[in-house]
Protein backbone atom coordinates (compact mmCIF):
# COMPACT_ATOMS: atom_id res chain seq x y z
CA UNK A 1 -33.29 32.27 39.54
CA UNK A 2 -35.43 32.11 36.39
CA UNK A 3 -38.33 34.36 35.46
CA UNK A 4 -41.17 33.55 33.09
CA UNK A 5 -43.75 36.13 32.00
CA UNK A 6 -47.08 35.74 30.22
CA UNK A 7 -49.81 38.13 29.14
CA UNK A 8 -53.43 37.03 28.83
CA UNK A 9 -56.70 38.80 28.05
CA UNK A 10 -58.58 39.77 31.24
CA UNK A 11 -61.12 37.02 30.68
CA UNK A 12 -61.81 34.04 32.96
CA UNK A 13 -61.54 31.66 29.98
CA UNK A 14 -57.76 32.29 29.94
CA UNK A 15 -57.15 31.64 33.64
CA UNK A 16 -56.43 28.02 32.75
CA UNK A 17 -53.29 29.23 30.96
CA UNK A 18 -52.03 30.88 34.16
CA UNK A 19 -52.78 27.73 36.17
CA UNK A 20 -51.00 25.52 33.64
CA UNK A 21 -47.88 27.69 33.60
CA UNK A 22 -47.84 27.80 37.42
CA UNK A 23 -48.22 24.01 37.60
CA UNK A 24 -45.52 23.39 35.01
CA UNK A 25 -43.03 25.65 36.78
CA UNK A 26 -43.84 24.16 40.19
CA UNK A 27 -43.19 20.72 38.70
CA UNK A 28 -39.71 21.90 37.65
CA UNK A 29 -39.12 22.85 41.30
CA UNK A 30 -40.28 19.35 42.35
CA UNK A 31 -43.34 20.50 44.25
CA UNK A 32 -45.62 17.69 45.39
CA UNK A 33 -48.96 17.16 43.68
CA UNK A 34 -50.73 18.71 46.68
CA UNK A 35 -48.43 21.75 46.60
CA UNK A 36 -49.07 22.17 42.87
CA UNK A 37 -52.84 21.99 43.43
CA UNK A 38 -52.53 24.60 46.21
CA UNK A 39 -50.58 26.87 43.87
CA UNK A 40 -53.18 26.49 41.12
CA UNK A 41 -55.93 27.40 43.60
CA UNK A 42 -53.99 30.47 44.75
CA UNK A 43 -53.14 31.83 41.31
CA UNK A 44 -56.71 31.24 40.13
CA UNK A 45 -58.12 33.02 43.20
CA UNK A 46 -55.91 36.07 42.68
CA UNK A 47 -56.28 36.29 38.89
CA UNK A 48 -60.07 36.05 39.16
CA UNK A 49 -60.12 39.40 40.97
CA UNK A 50 -58.81 40.97 37.74
CA UNK A 51 -61.13 39.14 35.35
CA UNK A 52 -64.35 39.13 37.36
CA UNK A 53 -66.97 36.52 36.50
CA UNK A 54 -67.52 37.71 32.94
CA UNK A 55 -64.20 39.30 31.99
CA UNK A 56 -62.98 42.83 31.63
CA UNK A 57 -61.50 44.89 28.84
CA UNK A 58 -57.73 44.76 29.01
CA UNK A 59 -55.08 42.23 29.90
CA UNK A 60 -53.19 40.69 32.80
CA UNK A 61 -49.40 40.40 32.95
CA UNK A 62 -48.22 37.56 35.17
CA UNK A 63 -44.58 37.07 36.19
CA UNK A 64 -43.36 33.82 37.73
CA UNK A 65 -40.01 33.99 39.52
CA UNK A 66 -38.44 30.68 40.45
CA UNK A 67 -36.25 30.47 43.51
CA UNK A 68 -34.63 27.44 45.04
CA UNK A 69 -37.60 25.74 46.68
CA UNK A 70 -40.20 28.46 46.07
CA UNK A 71 -42.10 30.33 43.41
CA UNK A 72 -43.17 33.96 43.49
CA UNK A 73 -46.04 35.04 41.25
CA UNK A 74 -46.86 38.68 40.55
CA UNK A 75 -49.77 39.89 38.45
CA UNK A 76 -50.55 43.33 37.06
CA UNK A 77 -53.90 44.26 35.57
CA UNK A 78 -53.71 46.38 32.43
CA UNK A 79 -57.38 47.20 32.32
CA UNK A 80 -59.25 49.70 30.18
CA UNK A 81 -59.94 53.09 31.80
CA UNK A 82 -63.09 52.99 33.88
CA UNK A 83 -62.91 49.27 34.63
CA UNK A 84 -63.75 48.93 38.32
CA UNK A 85 -62.69 46.02 40.43
CA UNK A 86 -62.50 45.01 44.04
CA UNK A 87 -58.99 45.21 45.49
CA UNK A 88 -59.63 43.95 48.99
CA UNK A 89 -59.76 40.23 49.62
CA UNK A 90 -63.00 38.73 50.85
CA UNK A 91 -62.79 36.85 54.13
CA UNK A 92 -63.18 33.56 52.26
CA UNK A 93 -60.40 34.45 49.79
CA UNK A 94 -58.13 35.47 52.64
CA UNK A 95 -58.73 32.15 54.44
CA UNK A 96 -58.09 30.16 51.25
CA UNK A 97 -54.89 32.04 50.45
CA UNK A 98 -53.59 31.77 54.02
CA UNK A 99 -54.10 28.01 53.77
CA UNK A 100 -52.46 27.43 50.37
CA UNK A 101 -49.64 30.04 50.21
CA UNK A 102 -46.84 31.44 52.32
CA UNK A 103 -48.03 34.97 51.56
CA UNK A 104 -50.48 36.72 49.27
CA UNK A 105 -51.54 40.31 48.70
CA UNK A 106 -53.86 42.26 46.43
CA UNK A 107 -53.32 45.99 45.96
CA UNK A 108 -54.10 48.93 43.73
CA UNK A 109 -51.59 51.72 43.18
CA UNK A 110 -52.40 54.72 40.98
CA UNK A 111 -55.34 52.80 39.50
CA UNK A 112 -53.26 49.74 38.58
CA UNK A 113 -54.27 46.52 40.35
CA UNK A 114 -51.53 44.10 41.35
CA UNK A 115 -51.27 40.83 43.21
CA UNK A 116 -48.39 38.83 44.56
CA UNK A 117 -48.10 35.43 46.15
CA UNK A 118 -45.34 33.12 47.32
CA UNK A 119 -45.49 29.36 47.63
CA UNK A 120 -42.66 27.24 49.01
CA UNK A 121 -42.30 23.52 48.77
CA UNK A 122 -42.13 21.46 51.94
CA UNK A 123 -38.67 20.66 53.19
């Protein structure tokens, strides 16, 4: 089991970095192209909750844990005090995530937003 961590500014212009890391790691696990695209959609969907459309002050820590045949991605928002964000998934987001992941959740504990998702490759 390997773990890779990155930290990006909480700006949508850096979400491409998260997608690229997710895609690269999924390639190492021999995910199919469709599975990699699904993973990129999922990680983009979850990370966008932290950045909003125009960005927020602060950063996002993203941890990728590789398992045999699956990847687990966990994000933590390190946002400036007073930054408000939605921490419940919209119906559309929920439907997308249910389609492209094994599981996904978005939470906020003690003012700190977090997300997690798991994607397995087909057997």
